[in-house]
């Protein structure tokens, strides 16, 4: 496969987020994102026109064979900022990998292979990017998928609660995740908000930031 992608990094680590947190995972981090969230923790992967590492799909597949793992996550940046990500995701599925993609609420998920686990990050007002949420994308999610809200304050949580109820997300997807924006809201405060909401939603902490120094790359 000669289709090429701009790759920021490929690494093997512990999955730090979502319902598969704690599992070994191969991460393929794409370069480029169309959004600029205030709390973004991967600003080094935002600019698509920076040629970090142009790789063909064949080269990517050869690289990940180095790791004895069949769980792959496509992340970024925003992996769907590059059209060839759809092709890569399909080939990974064909090769027997369990494939998850961490994607924002803007990029089109309808073209993804149906086997791909979609983890959609709906942008709360505190991100500064909520106007870019692509709500029709929610129609392409099912019980294998997850929706994530990064919460920076109580107003974000109340906004997320309204969206969860309005779009019946608890019934639509396998898990609704709420994650504290690192350094902006205490996990304990977010836990208290969850408990007072009467919603069956999951507190998500980025465990890799507790295992390693929070700004460490490649983990």
C-alpha atoms as a PDB file:
ATOM      1  CA  UNK A   1       0.000   0.000   0.000  1.00  0.00           C
ATOM      2  CA  UNK A   2       1.686   3.170  -1.240  1.00  0.00           C
ATOM      3  CA  UNK A   3      -0.816   5.687   0.173  1.00  0.00           C
ATOM      4  CA  UNK A   4       1.066   8.006   2.496  1.00  0.00           C
ATOM      5  CA  UNK A   5       0.318   9.596   5.849  1.00  0.00           C
ATOM      6  CA  UNK A   6       2.027  12.282   7.882  1.00  0.00           C
ATOM      7  CA  UNK A   7       2.883  10.472  11.116  1.00  0.00           C
ATOM      8  CA  UNK A   8       3.889  12.282  14.282  1.00  0.00           C
ATOM      9  CA  UNK A   9       4.905   9.144  16.176  1.00  0.00           C
ATOM     10  CA  UNK A  10       4.255   5.420  16.543  1.00  0.00           C
ATOM     11  CA  UNK A  11       4.760   3.926  19.990  1.00  0.00           C
ATOM     12  CA  UNK A  12       3.765   1.050  22.258  1.00  0.00           C
ATOM     13  CA  UNK A  13       2.341   1.874  25.654  1.00  0.00           C
ATOM     14  CA  UNK A  14      -0.494   1.388  28.107  1.00  0.00           C
ATOM     15  CA  UNK A  15      -3.867   2.693  26.985  1.00  0.00           C
ATOM     16  CA  UNK A  16      -4.521   5.592  29.323  1.00  0.00           C
ATOM     17  CA  UNK A  17      -8.142   6.393  28.567  1.00  0.00           C
ATOM     18  CA  UNK A  18     -11.558   4.918  27.851  1.00  0.00           C
ATOM     19  CA  UNK A  19     -13.024   1.548  28.685  1.00  0.00           C
ATOM     20  CA  UNK A  20      -9.796  -0.191  27.622  1.00  0.00           C
ATOM     21  CA  UNK A  21      -7.588   1.813  29.978  1.00  0.00           C
ATOM     22  CA  UNK A  22      -4.690  -0.239  31.271  1.00  0.00           C
ATOM     23  CA  UNK A  23      -4.358  -2.484  28.217  1.00  0.00           C
ATOM     24  CA  UNK A  24      -1.204  -2.645  26.075  1.00  0.00           C
ATOM     25  CA  UNK A  25      -1.790  -0.673  22.887  1.00  0.00           C
ATOM     26  CA  UNK A  26       0.048   0.404  19.740  1.00  0.00           C
ATOM     27  CA  UNK A  27      -0.521   4.103  19.131  1.00  0.00           C
ATOM     28  CA  UNK A  28      -0.295   5.652  15.675  1.00  0.00           C
ATOM     29  CA  UNK A  29      -0.358   9.410  16.182  1.00  0.00           C
ATOM     30  CA  UNK A  30      -1.207  11.366  13.032  1.00  0.00           C
ATOM     31  CA  UNK A  31       0.045  14.860  12.376  1.00  0.00           C
ATOM     32  CA  UNK A  32      -2.519  17.616  11.929  1.00  0.00           C
ATOM     33  CA  UNK A  33      -5.796  18.793  13.428  1.00  0.00           C
ATOM     34  CA  UNK A  34      -8.449  21.218  12.201  1.00  0.00           C
ATOM     35  CA  UNK A  35      -9.387  22.350  15.745  1.00  0.00           C
ATOM     36  CA  UNK A  36      -7.477  24.273  18.419  1.00  0.00           C
ATOM     37  CA  UNK A  37      -8.847  23.312  21.836  1.00  0.00           C
ATOM     38  CA  UNK A  38      -7.724  25.580  24.688  1.00  0.00           C
ATOM     39  CA  UNK A  39      -6.612  22.625  26.823  1.00  0.00           C
ATOM     40  CA  UNK A  40      -4.984  20.558  24.040  1.00  0.00           C
ATOM     41  CA  UNK A  41      -2.159  18.373  25.385  1.00  0.00           C
ATOM     42  CA  UNK A  42      -0.736  17.413  21.983  1.00  0.00           C
ATOM     43  CA  UNK A  43      -0.075  20.825  20.447  1.00  0.00           C
ATOM     44  CA  UNK A  44       3.057  19.371  18.849  1.00  0.00           C
ATOM     45  CA  UNK A  45       0.778  17.350  16.543  1.00  0.00           C
ATOM     46  CA  UNK A  46      -1.535  20.129  15.342  1.00  0.00           C
ATOM     47  CA  UNK A  47       0.064  21.528  12.185  1.00  0.00           C
ATOM     48  CA  UNK A  48      -0.601  19.233   9.224  1.00  0.00           C
ATOM     49  CA  UNK A  49       1.884  20.967   6.924  1.00  0.00           C
ATOM     50  CA  UNK A  50       4.806  20.042   9.154  1.00  0.00           C
ATOM     51  CA  UNK A  51       6.446  17.016   7.518  1.00  0.00           C
ATOM     52  CA  UNK A  52       7.227  15.124  10.704  1.00  0.00           C
ATOM     53  CA  UNK A  53       7.470  11.676   9.133  1.00  0.00           C
ATOM     54  CA  UNK A  54       5.804  10.787   5.840  1.00  0.00           C
ATOM     55  CA  UNK A  55       5.170   7.034   5.753  1.00  0.00           C
ATOM     56  CA  UNK A  56       3.360   4.737   3.338  1.00  0.00           C
ATOM     57  CA  UNK A  57       0.707   2.420   4.741  1.00  0.00           C
ATOM     58  CA  UNK A  58       3.040  -0.507   4.035  1.00  0.00           C
ATOM     59  CA  UNK A  59       5.766   1.157   6.115  1.00  0.00           C
ATOM     60  CA  UNK A  60       3.322   1.780   8.956  1.00  0.00           C
ATOM     61  CA  UNK A  61       2.161  -1.840   8.915  1.00  0.00           C
ATOM     62  CA  UNK A  62       5.758  -3.055   8.922  1.00  0.00           C
ATOM     63  CA  UNK A  63       6.608  -0.795  11.860  1.00  0.00           C
ATOM     64  CA  UNK A  64       3.773  -1.990  14.100  1.00  0.00           C
ATOM     65  CA  UNK A  65       4.775  -5.625  13.531  1.00  0.00           C
ATOM     66  CA  UNK A  66       7.648  -4.898  15.924  1.00  0.00           C
ATOM     67  CA  UNK A  67       5.154  -4.905  18.802  1.00  0.00           C
ATOM     68  CA  UNK A  68       3.491  -8.110  19.985  1.00  0.00           C
ATOM     69  CA  UNK A  69       0.069  -6.551  20.293  1.00  0.00           C
ATOM     70  CA  UNK A  70      -3.157  -6.671  18.272  1.00  0.00           C
ATOM     71  CA  UNK A  71      -4.789  -3.528  19.682  1.00  0.00           C
ATOM     72  CA  UNK A  72      -4.128  -0.328  17.736  1.00  0.00           C
ATOM     73  CA  UNK A  73      -5.377   3.182  18.387  1.00  0.00           C
ATOM     74  CA  UNK A  74      -5.310   5.897  15.730  1.00  0.00           C
ATOM     75  CA  UNK A  75      -4.934   9.270  17.375  1.00  0.00           C
ATOM     76  CA  UNK A  76      -3.549  12.725  16.789  1.00  0.00           C
ATOM     77  CA  UNK A  77      -3.858  15.592  16.349  1.00  0.00           C
ATOM     78  CA  UNK A  78      -6.936  14.477  14.501  1.00  0.00           C
ATOM     79  CA  UNK A  79      -6.418  11.248  12.549  1.00  0.00           C
ATOM     80  CA  UNK A  80      -9.294  11.980  10.153  1.00  0.00           C
ATOM     81  CA  UNK A  81      -7.656  15.227   9.042  1.00  0.00           C
ATOM     82  CA  UNK A  82      -5.889  12.923   6.543  1.00  0.00           C
ATOM     83  CA  UNK A  83      -8.109  11.002   4.117  1.00  0.00           C
ATOM     84  CA  UNK A  84      -5.745   8.037   3.913  1.00  0.00           C
ATOM     85  CA  UNK A  85      -6.505   7.255   7.560  1.00  0.00           C
ATOM     86  CA  UNK A  86      -9.757   5.646   6.400  1.00  0.00           C
ATOM     87  CA  UNK A  87      -7.723   3.286   4.192  1.00  0.00           C
ATOM     88  CA  UNK A  88      -5.226   2.510   6.959  1.00  0.00           C
ATOM     89  CA  UNK A  89      -8.028   1.717   9.415  1.00  0.00           C
ATOM     90  CA  UNK A  90      -9.625  -0.758   7.001  1.00  0.00           C
ATOM     91  CA  UNK A  91      -6.347  -2.573   6.345  1.00  0.00           C
ATOM     92  CA  UNK A  92      -5.608  -2.847  10.036  1.00  0.00           C
ATOM     93  CA  UNK A  93      -9.020  -4.443  10.553  1.00  0.00           C
ATOM     94  CA  UNK A  94      -8.414  -6.806   7.622  1.00  0.00           C
ATOM     95  CA  UNK A  95      -5.154  -7.897   9.269  1.00  0.00           C
ATOM     96  CA  UNK A  96      -6.958  -8.864  12.451  1.00  0.00           C
ATOM     97  CA  UNK A  97      -6.135  -5.869  14.620  1.00  0.00           C
ATOM     98  CA  UNK A  98      -8.683  -4.445  17.020  1.00  0.00           C
ATOM     99  CA  UNK A  99      -8.746  -0.829  15.888  1.00  0.00           C
ATOM    100  CA  UNK A 100      -9.929   2.209  17.828  1.00  0.00           C
ATOM    101  CA  UNK A 101      -9.857   5.796  16.667  1.00  0.00           C
ATOM    102  CA  UNK A 102      -9.844   8.859  18.890  1.00  0.00           C
ATOM    103  CA  UNK A 103     -11.581  11.554  16.882  1.00  0.00           C
ATOM    104  CA  UNK A 104     -13.050  14.979  17.471  1.00  0.00           C
ATOM    105  CA  UNK A 105     -16.700  15.889  16.958  1.00  0.00           C
ATOM    106  CA  UNK A 106     -15.998  17.576  13.618  1.00  0.00           C
ATOM    107  CA  UNK A 107     -14.434  15.016  11.274  1.00  0.00           C
ATOM    108  CA  UNK A 108     -16.705  12.724   9.234  1.00  0.00           C
ATOM    109  CA  UNK A 109     -16.891   9.255  10.784  1.00  0.00           C
ATOM    110  CA  UNK A 110     -19.389   7.807   8.301  1.00  0.00           C
ATOM    111  CA  UNK A 111     -16.611   6.591   5.971  1.00  0.00           C
ATOM    112  CA  UNK A 112     -14.829   4.550   8.633  1.00  0.00           C
ATOM    113  CA  UNK A 113     -14.888   0.764   8.356  1.00  0.00           C
ATOM    114  CA  UNK A 114     -17.747  -0.537  10.491  1.00  0.00           C
ATOM    115  CA  UNK A 115     -15.306  -2.640  12.553  1.00  0.00           C
ATOM    116  CA  UNK A 116     -13.471   0.414  13.886  1.00  0.00           C
ATOM    117  CA  UNK A 117     -14.229   1.437  17.476  1.00  0.00           C
ATOM    118  CA  UNK A 118     -15.022   5.141  17.397  1.00  0.00           C
ATOM    119  CA  UNK A 119     -14.192   7.247  20.461  1.00  0.00           C
ATOM    120  CA  UNK A 120     -15.729  10.626  19.685  1.00  0.00           C
ATOM    121  CA  UNK A 121     -14.677  13.681  21.656  1.00  0.00           C
ATOM    122  CA  UNK A 122     -17.582  16.117  21.773  1.00  0.00           C
ATOM    123  CA  UNK A 123     -16.208  19.598  22.379  1.00  0.00           C
ATOM    124  CA  UNK A 124     -17.554  21.410  25.439  1.00  0.00           C
ATOM    125  CA  UNK A 125     -17.689  25.246  25.549  1.00  0.00           C
ATOM    126  CA  UNK A 126     -14.515  25.384  27.651  1.00  0.00           C
ATOM    127  CA  UNK A 127     -12.563  23.991  24.701  1.00  0.00           C
ATOM    128  CA  UNK A 128     -13.416  27.035  22.599  1.00  0.00           C
ATOM    129  CA  UNK A 129     -14.366  24.642  19.799  1.00  0.00           C
ATOM    130  CA  UNK A 130     -17.960  23.614  20.595  1.00  0.00           C
ATOM    131  CA  UNK A 131     -19.300  25.377  17.495  1.00  0.00           C
ATOM    132  CA  UNK A 132     -17.495  22.757  15.387  1.00  0.00           C
ATOM    133  CA  UNK A 133     -19.322  19.736  16.836  1.00  0.00           C
ATOM    134  CA  UNK A 134     -20.761  17.717  13.951  1.00  0.00           C
ATOM    135  CA  UNK A 135     -23.910  16.353  15.562  1.00  0.00           C
ATOM    136  CA  UNK A 136     -24.970  14.199  12.559  1.00  0.00           C
ATOM    137  CA  UNK A 137     -21.858  12.099  13.341  1.00  0.00           C
ATOM    138  CA  UNK A 138     -23.748  10.751  16.348  1.00  0.00           C
ATOM    139  CA  UNK A 139     -26.014   8.857  13.941  1.00  0.00           C
ATOM    140  CA  UNK A 140     -23.042   6.657  12.968  1.00  0.00           C
ATOM    141  CA  UNK A 141     -22.221   5.511  16.508  1.00  0.00           C
ATOM    142  CA  UNK A 142     -23.334   2.227  18.032  1.00  0.00           C
ATOM    143  CA  UNK A 143     -22.801   0.086  21.115  1.00  0.00           C
ATOM    144  CA  UNK A 144     -19.135  -0.645  20.387  1.00  0.00           C
ATOM    145  CA  UNK A 145     -18.385   3.093  20.328  1.00  0.00           C
ATOM    146  CA  UNK A 146     -17.774   5.691  23.031  1.00  0.00           C
ATOM    147  CA  UNK A 147     -18.426   9.413  23.454  1.00  0.00           C
ATOM    148  CA  UNK A 148     -16.066  11.547  25.514  1.00  0.00           C
ATOM    149  CA  UNK A 149     -16.481  14.991  27.048  1.00  0.00           C
ATOM    150  CA  UNK A 150     -13.421  16.831  28.371  1.00  0.00           C
ATOM    151  CA  UNK A 151     -14.620  18.975  31.267  1.00  0.00           C
ATOM    152  CA  UNK A 152     -12.831  22.145  32.351  1.00  0.00           C
ATOM    153  CA  UNK A 153     -15.457  23.524  34.768  1.00  0.00           C
ATOM    154  CA  UNK A 154     -18.975  22.974  36.089  1.00  0.00           C
ATOM    155  CA  UNK A 155     -20.547  24.796  33.129  1.00  0.00           C
ATOM    156  CA  UNK A 156     -18.911  22.280  30.784  1.00  0.00           C
ATOM    157  CA  UNK A 157     -20.408  19.453  32.807  1.00  0.00           C
ATOM    158  CA  UNK A 158     -23.908  20.939  32.690  1.00  0.00           C
ATOM    159  CA  UNK A 159     -23.550  21.423  28.931  1.00  0.00           C
ATOM    160  CA  UNK A 160     -22.389  17.814  28.504  1.00  0.00           C
ATOM    161  CA  UNK A 161     -25.290  16.580  30.625  1.00  0.00           C
ATOM    162  CA  UNK A 162     -27.757  18.354  28.319  1.00  0.00           C
ATOM    163  CA  UNK A 163     -26.141  16.820  25.216  1.00  0.00           C
ATOM    164  CA  UNK A 164     -26.109  13.337  26.761  1.00  0.00           C
ATOM    165  CA  UNK A 165     -29.834  13.546  27.477  1.00  0.00           C
ATOM    166  CA  UNK A 166     -30.832  15.287  24.245  1.00  0.00           C
ATOM    167  CA  UNK A 167     -29.114  12.708  22.024  1.00  0.00           C
ATOM    168  CA  UNK A 168     -29.846   9.708  24.266  1.00  0.00           C
ATOM    169  CA  UNK A 169     -26.151   8.876  24.322  1.00  0.00           C
ATOM    170  CA  UNK A 170     -26.299   6.438  27.218  1.00  0.00           C
ATOM    171  CA  UNK A 171     -28.525   4.167  25.142  1.00  0.00           C
ATOM    172  CA  UNK A 172     -26.803   4.873  21.839  1.00  0.00           C
ATOM    173  CA  UNK A 173     -23.179   4.015  22.682  1.00  0.00           C
ATOM    174  CA  UNK A 174     -21.301   1.572  24.855  1.00  0.00           C
ATOM    175  CA  UNK A 175     -19.909   4.207  27.222  1.00  0.00           C
ATOM    176  CA  UNK A 176     -20.206   7.914  27.913  1.00  0.00           C
ATOM    177  CA  UNK A 177     -16.943   9.217  29.357  1.00  0.00           C
ATOM    178  CA  UNK A 178     -16.274  12.485  31.184  1.00  0.00           C
ATOM    179  CA  UNK A 179     -12.671  13.465  31.690  1.00  0.00           C
ATOM    180  CA  UNK A 180     -11.223  16.365  33.696  1.00  0.00           C
ATOM    181  CA  UNK A 181      -9.172  18.778  31.616  1.00  0.00           C
ATOM    182  CA  UNK A 182      -5.786  18.161  33.196  1.00  0.00           C
ATOM    183  CA  UNK A 183      -4.959  20.903  35.698  1.00  0.00           C
ATOM    184  CA  UNK A 184      -8.244  22.795  35.221  1.00  0.00           C
ATOM    185  CA  UNK A 185     -10.718  20.849  37.354  1.00  0.00           C
ATOM    186  CA  UNK A 186     -10.006  18.422  40.152  1.00  0.00           C
ATOM    187  CA  UNK A 187     -11.058  14.796  39.542  1.00  0.00           C
ATOM    188  CA  UNK A 188     -12.821  14.818  42.900  1.00  0.00           C
ATOM    189  CA  UNK A 189     -14.999  17.769  41.828  1.00  0.00           C
ATOM    190  CA  UNK A 190     -15.913  16.000  38.601  1.00  0.00           C
ATOM    191  CA  UNK A 191     -16.702  12.802  40.516  1.00  0.00           C
ATOM    192  CA  UNK A 192     -19.081  14.784  42.736  1.00  0.00           C
ATOM    193  CA  UNK A 193     -20.813  16.252  39.675  1.00  0.00           C
ATOM    194  CA  UNK A 194     -21.260  12.772  38.201  1.00  0.00           C
ATOM    195  CA  UNK A 195     -22.739  11.434  41.435  1.00  0.00           C
ATOM    196  CA  UNK A 196     -25.200  14.320  41.619  1.00  0.00           C
ATOM    197  CA  UNK A 197     -26.289  13.919  37.981  1.00  0.00           C
ATOM    198  CA  UNK A 198     -28.044  10.530  38.297  1.00  0.00           C
ATOM    199  CA  UNK A 199     -26.541   9.614  34.913  1.00  0.00           C
ATOM    200  CA  UNK A 200     -24.845   6.295  34.188  1.00  0.00           C
ATOM    201  CA  UNK A 201     -21.646   7.895  32.918  1.00  0.00           C
ATOM    202  CA  UNK A 202     -18.009   7.058  33.578  1.00  0.00           C
ATOM    203  CA  UNK A 203     -15.279   9.209  35.105  1.00  0.00           C
ATOM    204  CA  UNK A 204     -12.163   8.881  32.982  1.00  0.00           C
ATOM    205  CA  UNK A 205      -8.710   9.818  34.201  1.00  0.00           C
ATOM    206  CA  UNK A 206      -5.702   9.880  31.886  1.00  0.00           C
ATOM    207  CA  UNK A 207      -3.777   7.228  33.761  1.00  0.00           C
ATOM    208  CA  UNK A 208      -0.659   7.607  31.611  1.00  0.00           C
ATOM    209  CA  UNK A 209      -0.261  11.097  33.138  1.00  0.00           C
ATOM    210  CA  UNK A 210      -0.114   9.510  36.571  1.00  0.00           C
ATOM    211  CA  UNK A 211       2.263   6.721  35.528  1.00  0.00           C
ATOM    212  CA  UNK A 212       4.667   9.057  33.707  1.00  0.00           C
ATOM    213  CA  UNK A 213       5.352  12.788  33.982  1.00  0.00           C
ATOM    214  CA  UNK A 214       2.297  14.474  32.360  1.00  0.00           C
ATOM    215  CA  UNK A 215       4.191  16.027  29.435  1.00  0.00           C
ATOM    216  CA  UNK A 216       6.126  12.868  28.545  1.00  0.00           C
ATOM    217  CA  UNK A 217       5.785  11.931  24.873  1.00  0.00           C
ATOM    218  CA  UNK A 218       5.741   8.444  23.414  1.00  0.00           C
ATOM    219  CA  UNK A 219       3.754   6.959  26.275  1.00  0.00           C
END
